[in-house]
Amino acid sequence: MDTPAARLEKKFKRKHRLIESEISKTQKAALQRLLKEGRVVRARAYYLAGYEPTLQSETERILQKLLSRPSLFQRTALRSPYKEGQPFFRPALSELLTEKRVVRLGVSGTDGEYFIHRDHLVNTLDFSDSRPSKSAEAHQGEQNSKKLTGRIYKAYERLTRDKGRRSVFISDLRRTSGISWEELRGWIEQEIVEKGQGQLDEGDWGAATEEQRAAAVELRGRKRLYIALTT
């Protein structure tokens, strides 16, 4: 049914975060209904339920920022652009440092702290004398592949259960699984495109958000927004 609440919810699904000025006076009653039903939550701004700032979402955001390029980032460059996400910034960064997924460095001639993703740091250093054998690398690669597949399927099962449908946005799958775009796209290329362990669907490109479009996978000349896995 095309009710005011349904129309407003569609707006949230396109953007996920709205501020007061983006919600008209005529939509206030619909907003209150969505808040009461738990389909929208307020965290300074208004968020579609499931997209509000949390420790996990802030951790994922910092990781994506650091993975975006093999560079050193100052602390200020990693902070959330939204005030509602900032309370989670320090504990999220601290957790990443404790887990050694992120490395903190000092740079000669500066007083600030700099951060880099562990993988980027390893890739920039020459460890030729201590590289593992090819058999060890192959075994490690197989173990990593199994671990990645497990995380993806676990996230997929959660999404299909919450959303009540088999086909979900690729962007939602990446966000829920917490893996990088590169890891997910590589996995889709191998498991879905090559092995046929699922299917990719186009969806409505015009109604998709920038995040959803950025995660689209091109197959046979068409960009696919949705993914369904064989379970």
C-alpha atoms as a PDB file:
ATOM      1  CA  MET A   1       0.000   0.000   0.000  1.00  0.00           C
ATOM      2  CA  ASP A   2       1.371   3.405  -0.998  1.00  0.00           C
ATOM      3  CA  THR A   3       0.938   5.173   2.341  1.00  0.00           C
ATOM      4  CA  PRO A   4       2.873   8.264   3.531  1.00  0.00           C
ATOM      5  CA  ALA A   5       4.896   5.982   5.827  1.00  0.00           C
ATOM      6  CA  ALA A   6       5.698   3.612   2.946  1.00  0.00           C
ATOM      7  CA  ARG A   7       6.805   6.504   0.733  1.00  0.00           C
ATOM      8  CA  LEU A   8       9.031   7.900   3.474  1.00  0.00           C
ATOM      9  CA  GLU A   9      10.510   4.458   4.119  1.00  0.00           C
ATOM     10  CA  LYS A  10      11.386   4.199   0.422  1.00  0.00           C
ATOM     11  CA  LYS A  11      13.207   7.511   0.772  1.00  0.00           C
ATOM     12  CA  PHE A  12      15.195   6.098   3.698  1.00  0.00           C
ATOM     13  CA  LYS A  13      16.049   2.966   1.715  1.00  0.00           C
ATOM     14  CA  ARG A  14      17.551   5.133  -1.024  1.00  0.00           C
ATOM     15  CA  LYS A  15      19.672   7.229   1.328  1.00  0.00           C
ATOM     16  CA  HIS A  16      19.647   5.440   4.764  1.00  0.00           C
ATOM     17  CA  ARG A  17      20.325   8.706   6.678  1.00  0.00           C
ATOM     18  CA  LEU A  18      18.128  11.809   6.728  1.00  0.00           C
ATOM     19  CA  ILE A  19      18.336  14.990   8.757  1.00  0.00           C
ATOM     20  CA  GLU A  20      15.461  17.206   9.929  1.00  0.00           C
ATOM     21  CA  SER A  21      15.641  19.553   6.941  1.00  0.00           C
ATOM     22  CA  GLU A  22      15.243  16.615   4.539  1.00  0.00           C
ATOM     23  CA  ILE A  23      11.906  15.605   6.080  1.00  0.00           C
ATOM     24  CA  SER A  24       8.973  17.858   5.195  1.00  0.00           C
ATOM     25  CA  LYS A  25       6.262  18.916   7.627  1.00  0.00           C
ATOM     26  CA  THR A  26       3.768  16.684   5.839  1.00  0.00           C
ATOM     27  CA  GLN A  27       6.037  13.690   6.507  1.00  0.00           C
ATOM     28  CA  LYS A  28       6.322  14.230  10.287  1.00  0.00           C
ATOM     29  CA  ALA A  29       3.390  11.956  11.148  1.00  0.00           C
ATOM     30  CA  ALA A  30       4.760   9.239   8.870  1.00  0.00           C
ATOM     31  CA  LEU A  31       8.169   9.642  10.532  1.00  0.00           C
ATOM     32  CA  GLN A  32       6.673   9.157  13.988  1.00  0.00           C
ATOM     33  CA  ARG A  33       4.952   5.973  12.797  1.00  0.00           C
ATOM     34  CA  LEU A  34       8.211   4.570  11.406  1.00  0.00           C
ATOM     35  CA  LEU A  35       9.991   5.426  14.661  1.00  0.00           C
ATOM     36  CA  LYS A  36       7.277   3.773  16.747  1.00  0.00           C
ATOM     37  CA  GLU A  37       7.387   0.612  14.617  1.00  0.00           C
ATOM     38  CA  GLY A  38      11.191   0.469  14.829  1.00  0.00           C
ATOM     39  CA  ARG A  39      11.685   0.734  11.049  1.00  0.00           C
ATOM     40  CA  VAL A  40      13.562   4.022  11.561  1.00  0.00           C
ATOM     41  CA  VAL A  41      15.746   4.974  14.529  1.00  0.00           C
ATOM     42  CA  ARG A  42      17.000   8.315  15.733  1.00  0.00           C
ATOM     43  CA  ALA A  43      20.670   8.828  16.515  1.00  0.00           C
ATOM     44  CA  ARG A  44      20.907  12.609  16.275  1.00  0.00           C
ATOM     45  CA  ALA A  45      19.910  12.179  12.615  1.00  0.00           C
ATOM     46  CA  TYR A  46      17.330   9.636  11.437  1.00  0.00           C
ATOM     47  CA  TYR A  47      18.483   6.262  10.105  1.00  0.00           C
ATOM     48  CA  LEU A  48      16.828   3.328   8.424  1.00  0.00           C
ATOM     49  CA  ALA A  49      16.905   0.564  11.060  1.00  0.00           C
ATOM     50  CA  GLY A  50      20.106  -1.435  10.703  1.00  0.00           C
ATOM     51  CA  TYR A  51      22.129   1.466   9.307  1.00  0.00           C
ATOM     52  CA  GLU A  52      22.458   3.560  12.456  1.00  0.00           C
ATOM     53  CA  PRO A  53      25.997   4.167  13.808  1.00  0.00           C
ATOM     54  CA  THR A  54      27.323   1.345  15.998  1.00  0.00           C
ATOM     55  CA  LEU A  55      30.739   0.168  17.099  1.00  0.00           C
ATOM     56  CA  GLN A  56      30.646  -2.431  14.320  1.00  0.00           C
ATOM     57  CA  SER A  57      29.610   0.012  11.588  1.00  0.00           C
ATOM     58  CA  GLU A  58      32.273   2.498  12.691  1.00  0.00           C
ATOM     59  CA  THR A  59      34.897  -0.262  12.658  1.00  0.00           C
ATOM     60  CA  GLU A  60      33.868  -1.210   9.114  1.00  0.00           C
ATOM     61  CA  ARG A  61      33.933   2.435   7.999  1.00  0.00           C
ATOM     62  CA  ILE A  62      37.475   2.948   9.326  1.00  0.00           C
ATOM     63  CA  LEU A  63      38.644  -0.268   7.665  1.00  0.00           C
ATOM     64  CA  GLN A  64      37.197   0.746   4.291  1.00  0.00           C
ATOM     65  CA  LYS A  65      38.886   4.147   4.579  1.00  0.00           C
ATOM     66  CA  LEU A  66      42.250   2.548   5.300  1.00  0.00           C
ATOM     67  CA  LEU A  67      41.830  -0.081   2.589  1.00  0.00           C
ATOM     68  CA  SER A  68      40.935   2.545  -0.019  1.00  0.00           C
ATOM     69  CA  ARG A  69      44.599   3.252  -0.724  1.00  0.00           C
ATOM     70  CA  PRO A  70      48.045   2.195   0.591  1.00  0.00           C
ATOM     71  CA  SER A  71      48.725   5.462   2.389  1.00  0.00           C
ATOM     72  CA  LEU A  72      49.271   6.828   5.869  1.00  0.00           C
ATOM     73  CA  PHE A  73      46.178   8.485   7.355  1.00  0.00           C
ATOM     74  CA  GLN A  74      46.166  11.028  10.148  1.00  0.00           C
ATOM     75  CA  ARG A  75      43.703  10.431  12.969  1.00  0.00           C
ATOM     76  CA  THR A  76      41.579  13.406  11.899  1.00  0.00           C
ATOM     77  CA  ALA A  77      41.264  11.989   8.367  1.00  0.00           C
ATOM     78  CA  LEU A  78      39.736   8.799   9.785  1.00  0.00           C
ATOM     79  CA  ARG A  79      37.056  10.455  11.937  1.00  0.00           C
ATOM     80  CA  SER A  80      33.401  10.079  11.011  1.00  0.00           C
ATOM     81  CA  PRO A  81      31.936  13.045   9.098  1.00  0.00           C
ATOM     82  CA  TYR A  82      28.774  12.738  11.223  1.00  0.00           C
ATOM     83  CA  LYS A  83      28.664  13.671  14.919  1.00  0.00           C
ATOM     84  CA  GLU A  84      26.485  10.694  15.821  1.00  0.00           C
ATOM     85  CA  GLY A  85      29.222   8.318  14.692  1.00  0.00           C
ATOM     86  CA  GLN A  86      32.060  10.040  16.506  1.00  0.00           C
ATOM     87  CA  PRO A  87      31.455   8.477  19.988  1.00  0.00           C
ATOM     88  CA  PHE A  88      32.262   5.080  18.432  1.00  0.00           C
ATOM     89  CA  PHE A  89      35.442   6.281  16.693  1.00  0.00           C
ATOM     90  CA  ARG A  90      37.942   5.921  19.538  1.00  0.00           C
ATOM     91  CA  PRO A  91      36.841   2.434  20.728  1.00  0.00           C
ATOM     92  CA  ALA A  92      36.602   1.201  17.111  1.00  0.00           C
ATOM     93  CA  LEU A  93      40.123   2.383  16.289  1.00  0.00           C
ATOM     94  CA  SER A  94      41.430   1.004  19.587  1.00  0.00           C
ATOM     95  CA  GLU A  95      39.905  -2.399  18.800  1.00  0.00           C
ATOM     96  CA  LEU A  96      41.491  -2.449  15.345  1.00  0.00           C
ATOM     97  CA  LEU A  97      44.888  -1.613  16.843  1.00  0.00           C
ATOM     98  CA  THR A  98      44.515  -4.319  19.495  1.00  0.00           C
ATOM     99  CA  GLU A  99      43.627  -6.878  16.812  1.00  0.00           C
ATOM    100  CA  LYS A 100      46.636  -5.646  14.784  1.00  0.00           C
ATOM    101  CA  ARG A 101      44.462  -5.088  11.719  1.00  0.00           C
ATOM    102  CA  VAL A 102      45.630  -1.468  11.797  1.00  0.00           C
ATOM    103  CA  VAL A 103      49.144  -0.239  12.570  1.00  0.00           C
ATOM    104  CA  ARG A 104      50.001   3.080  14.227  1.00  0.00           C
ATOM    105  CA  LEU A 105      53.200   4.769  13.065  1.00  0.00           C
ATOM    106  CA  GLY A 106      55.190   7.847  13.951  1.00  0.00           C
ATOM    107  CA  VAL A 107      56.680   9.875  11.121  1.00  0.00           C
ATOM    108  CA  SER A 108      60.021  11.598  11.564  1.00  0.00           C
ATOM    109  CA  GLY A 109      59.710  15.367  11.702  1.00  0.00           C
ATOM    110  CA  THR A 110      56.023  15.357  12.709  1.00  0.00           C
ATOM    111  CA  ASP A 111      54.176  15.257  16.017  1.00  0.00           C
ATOM    112  CA  GLY A 112      51.024  13.497  14.810  1.00  0.00           C
ATOM    113  CA  GLU A 113      49.971   9.863  14.716  1.00  0.00           C
ATOM    114  CA  TYR A 114      49.550   8.047  11.415  1.00  0.00           C
ATOM    115  CA  PHE A 115      47.644   4.860  10.672  1.00  0.00           C
ATOM    116  CA  ILE A 116      47.792   2.287   7.883  1.00  0.00           C
ATOM    117  CA  HIS A 117      46.033  -1.019   7.269  1.00  0.00           C
ATOM    118  CA  ARG A 118      48.257  -3.966   8.124  1.00  0.00           C
ATOM    119  CA  ASP A 119      47.898  -5.515   4.654  1.00  0.00           C
ATOM    120  CA  HIS A 120      49.073  -2.337   2.938  1.00  0.00           C
ATOM    121  CA  LEU A 121      52.046  -2.086   5.270  1.00  0.00           C
ATOM    122  CA  VAL A 122      53.063  -5.702   4.625  1.00  0.00           C
ATOM    123  CA  ASN A 123      52.744  -5.217   0.865  1.00  0.00           C
ATOM    124  CA  THR A 124      55.049  -2.201   0.911  1.00  0.00           C
ATOM    125  CA  LEU A 125      57.825  -3.961   2.823  1.00  0.00           C
ATOM    126  CA  ASP A 126      60.288  -6.400   1.342  1.00  0.00           C
ATOM    127  CA  PHE A 127      60.023  -9.730   3.144  1.00  0.00           C
ATOM    128  CA  SER A 128      61.655 -11.773   0.402  1.00  0.00           C
ATOM    129  CA  ASP A 129      64.000 -13.575   2.843  1.00  0.00           C
ATOM    130  CA  SER A 130      61.161 -14.799   5.025  1.00  0.00           C
ATOM    131  CA  ARG A 131      58.499 -15.614   2.439  1.00  0.00           C
ATOM    132  CA  PRO A 132      56.738 -18.954   3.043  1.00  0.00           C
ATOM    133  CA  SER A 133      57.056 -21.840   0.619  1.00  0.00           C
ATOM    134  CA  LYS A 134      54.591 -22.212  -2.252  1.00  0.00           C
ATOM    135  CA  SER A 135      52.905 -25.173  -0.546  1.00  0.00           C
ATOM    136  CA  ALA A 136      52.474 -23.181   2.651  1.00  0.00           C
ATOM    137  CA  GLU A 137      51.091 -20.257   0.659  1.00  0.00           C
ATOM    138  CA  ALA A 138      48.630 -22.561  -1.120  1.00  0.00           C
ATOM    139  CA  HIS A 139      47.450 -24.046   2.187  1.00  0.00           C
ATOM    140  CA  GLN A 140      47.070 -20.600   3.720  1.00  0.00           C
ATOM    141  CA  GLY A 141      45.153 -19.420   0.655  1.00  0.00           C
ATOM    142  CA  GLU A 142      42.753 -22.365   0.945  1.00  0.00           C
ATOM    143  CA  GLN A 143      42.166 -21.682   4.628  1.00  0.00           C
ATOM    144  CA  ASN A 144      41.540 -17.990   3.963  1.00  0.00           C
ATOM    145  CA  SER A 145      39.096 -18.862   1.169  1.00  0.00           C
ATOM    146  CA  LYS A 146      37.083 -21.155   3.472  1.00  0.00           C
ATOM    147  CA  LYS A 147      37.017 -18.510   6.175  1.00  0.00           C
ATOM    148  CA  LEU A 148      35.872 -15.851   3.706  1.00  0.00           C
ATOM    149  CA  THR A 149      33.119 -18.108   2.339  1.00  0.00           C
ATOM    150  CA  GLY A 150      31.895 -18.810   5.865  1.00  0.00           C
ATOM    151  CA  ARG A 151      31.643 -15.100   6.693  1.00  0.00           C
ATOM    152  CA  ILE A 152      29.786 -14.342   3.472  1.00  0.00           C
ATOM    153  CA  TYR A 153      27.238 -17.149   3.926  1.00  0.00           C
ATOM    154  CA  LYS A 154      26.665 -16.224   7.566  1.00  0.00           C
ATOM    155  CA  ALA A 155      25.971 -12.602   6.552  1.00  0.00           C
ATOM    156  CA  TYR A 156      23.748 -13.747   3.676  1.00  0.00           C
ATOM    157  CA  GLU A 157      21.629 -15.964   5.935  1.00  0.00           C
ATOM    158  CA  ARG A 158      21.164 -13.076   8.348  1.00  0.00           C
ATOM    159  CA  LEU A 159      20.085 -10.722   5.562  1.00  0.00           C
ATOM    160  CA  THR A 160      17.632 -13.144   3.985  1.00  0.00           C
ATOM    161  CA  ARG A 161      16.113 -13.845   7.398  1.00  0.00           C
ATOM    162  CA  ASP A 162      15.776 -10.149   8.284  1.00  0.00           C
ATOM    163  CA  LYS A 163      14.523  -9.007   4.879  1.00  0.00           C
ATOM    164  CA  GLY A 164      12.384 -12.043   4.104  1.00  0.00           C
ATOM    165  CA  ARG A 165      13.680 -12.563   0.574  1.00  0.00           C
ATOM    166  CA  ARG A 166      16.347 -14.623  -1.143  1.00  0.00           C
ATOM    167  CA  SER A 167      17.871 -11.842  -3.275  1.00  0.00           C
ATOM    168  CA  VAL A 168      19.720  -9.101  -1.344  1.00  0.00           C
ATOM    169  CA  PHE A 169      21.773  -6.059  -2.259  1.00  0.00           C
ATOM    170  CA  ILE A 170      25.450  -6.806  -2.866  1.00  0.00           C
ATOM    171  CA  SER A 171      26.250  -3.667  -0.855  1.00  0.00           C
ATOM    172  CA  ASP A 172      24.268  -5.017   2.130  1.00  0.00           C
ATOM    173  CA  LEU A 173      26.143  -8.322   1.904  1.00  0.00           C
ATOM    174  CA  ARG A 174      29.499  -6.549   2.018  1.00  0.00           C
ATOM    175  CA  ARG A 175      28.426  -4.311   4.880  1.00  0.00           C
ATOM    176  CA  THR A 176      27.019  -7.157   6.974  1.00  0.00           C
ATOM    177  CA  SER A 177      29.959  -9.500   6.324  1.00  0.00           C
ATOM    178  CA  GLY A 178      32.490  -6.769   7.144  1.00  0.00           C
ATOM    179  CA  ILE A 179      34.840  -7.710   4.300  1.00  0.00           C
ATOM    180  CA  SER A 180      36.357  -5.375   1.717  1.00  0.00           C
ATOM    181  CA  TRP A 181      34.906  -4.639  -1.729  1.00  0.00           C
ATOM    182  CA  GLU A 182      37.927  -6.335  -3.312  1.00  0.00           C
ATOM    183  CA  GLU A 183      37.453  -9.528  -1.297  1.00  0.00           C
ATOM    184  CA  LEU A 184      33.730  -9.750  -2.037  1.00  0.00           C
ATOM    185  CA  ARG A 185      34.059  -9.001  -5.741  1.00  0.00           C
ATOM    186  CA  GLY A 186      36.841 -11.550  -6.105  1.00  0.00           C
ATOM    187  CA  TRP A 187      34.718 -14.125  -4.291  1.00  0.00           C
ATOM    188  CA  ILE A 188      31.691 -13.374  -6.491  1.00  0.00           C
ATOM    189  CA  GLU A 189      33.811 -13.714  -9.633  1.00  0.00           C
ATOM    190  CA  GLN A 190      35.072 -17.133  -8.528  1.00  0.00           C
ATOM    191  CA  GLU A 191      32.052 -18.647  -6.756  1.00  0.00           C
ATOM    192  CA  ILE A 192      29.089 -17.079  -8.569  1.00  0.00           C
ATOM    193  CA  VAL A 193      30.286 -16.226 -12.082  1.00  0.00           C
ATOM    194  CA  GLU A 194      32.705 -19.143 -12.586  1.00  0.00           C
ATOM    195  CA  LYS A 195      31.237 -21.891 -10.369  1.00  0.00           C
ATOM    196  CA  GLY A 196      27.554 -20.915 -10.523  1.00  0.00           C
ATOM    197  CA  GLN A 197      26.967 -21.072  -6.760  1.00  0.00           C
ATOM    198  CA  GLY A 198      24.216 -18.454  -7.013  1.00  0.00           C
ATOM    199  CA  GLN A 199      22.961 -15.704  -9.288  1.00  0.00           C
ATOM    200  CA  LEU A 200      23.215 -11.956  -9.813  1.00  0.00           C
ATOM    201  CA  ASP A 201      20.147  -9.805 -10.532  1.00  0.00           C
ATOM    202  CA  GLU A 202      19.965  -6.312 -12.023  1.00  0.00           C
ATOM    203  CA  GLY A 203      17.404  -4.548  -9.820  1.00  0.00           C
ATOM    204  CA  ASP A 204      16.185  -0.974 -10.272  1.00  0.00           C
ATOM    205  CA  TRP A 205      19.290   1.110 -11.043  1.00  0.00           C
ATOM    206  CA  GLY A 206      17.342   4.387 -10.924  1.00  0.00           C
ATOM    207  CA  ALA A 207      16.133   3.744  -7.365  1.00  0.00           C
ATOM    208  CA  ALA A 208      19.506   2.505  -6.056  1.00  0.00           C
ATOM    209  CA  THR A 209      21.676   4.565  -3.695  1.00  0.00           C
ATOM    210  CA  GLU A 210      25.264   5.551  -4.468  1.00  0.00           C
ATOM    211  CA  GLU A 211      26.491   2.827  -2.076  1.00  0.00           C
ATOM    212  CA  GLN A 212      24.376   0.197  -3.818  1.00  0.00           C
ATOM    213  CA  ARG A 213      25.548   1.295  -7.274  1.00  0.00           C
ATOM    214  CA  ALA A 214      29.201   1.315  -6.174  1.00  0.00           C
ATOM    215  CA  ALA A 215      28.888  -2.339  -5.171  1.00  0.00           C
ATOM    216  CA  ALA A 216      27.257  -3.436  -8.446  1.00  0.00           C
ATOM    217  CA  VAL A 217      28.963  -6.253 -10.358  1.00  0.00           C
ATOM    218  CA  GLU A 218      29.000  -6.153 -14.146  1.00  0.00           C
ATOM    219  CA  LEU A 219      28.044  -9.403 -15.858  1.00  0.00           C
ATOM    220  CA  ARG A 220      27.473  -9.825 -19.597  1.00  0.00           C
ATOM    221  CA  GLY A 221      27.412  -6.077 -20.109  1.00  0.00           C
ATOM    222  CA  ARG A 222      24.846  -5.360 -17.375  1.00  0.00           C
ATOM    223  CA  LYS A 223      25.413  -4.095 -13.856  1.00  0.00           C
ATOM    224  CA  ARG A 224      23.878  -6.282 -11.159  1.00  0.00           C
ATOM    225  CA  LEU A 225      22.762  -4.852  -7.801  1.00  0.00           C
ATOM    226  CA  TYR A 226      21.428  -8.030  -6.182  1.00  0.00           C
ATOM    227  CA  ILE A 227      22.851 -11.411  -5.289  1.00  0.00           C
ATOM    228  CA  ALA A 228      21.232 -14.730  -4.335  1.00  0.00           C
ATOM    229  CA  LEU A 229      23.351 -17.625  -3.074  1.00  0.00           C
ATOM    230  CA  THR A 230      22.823 -21.352  -3.382  1.00  0.00           C
ATOM    231  CA  THR A 231      22.342 -22.630   0.175  1.00  0.00           C
END
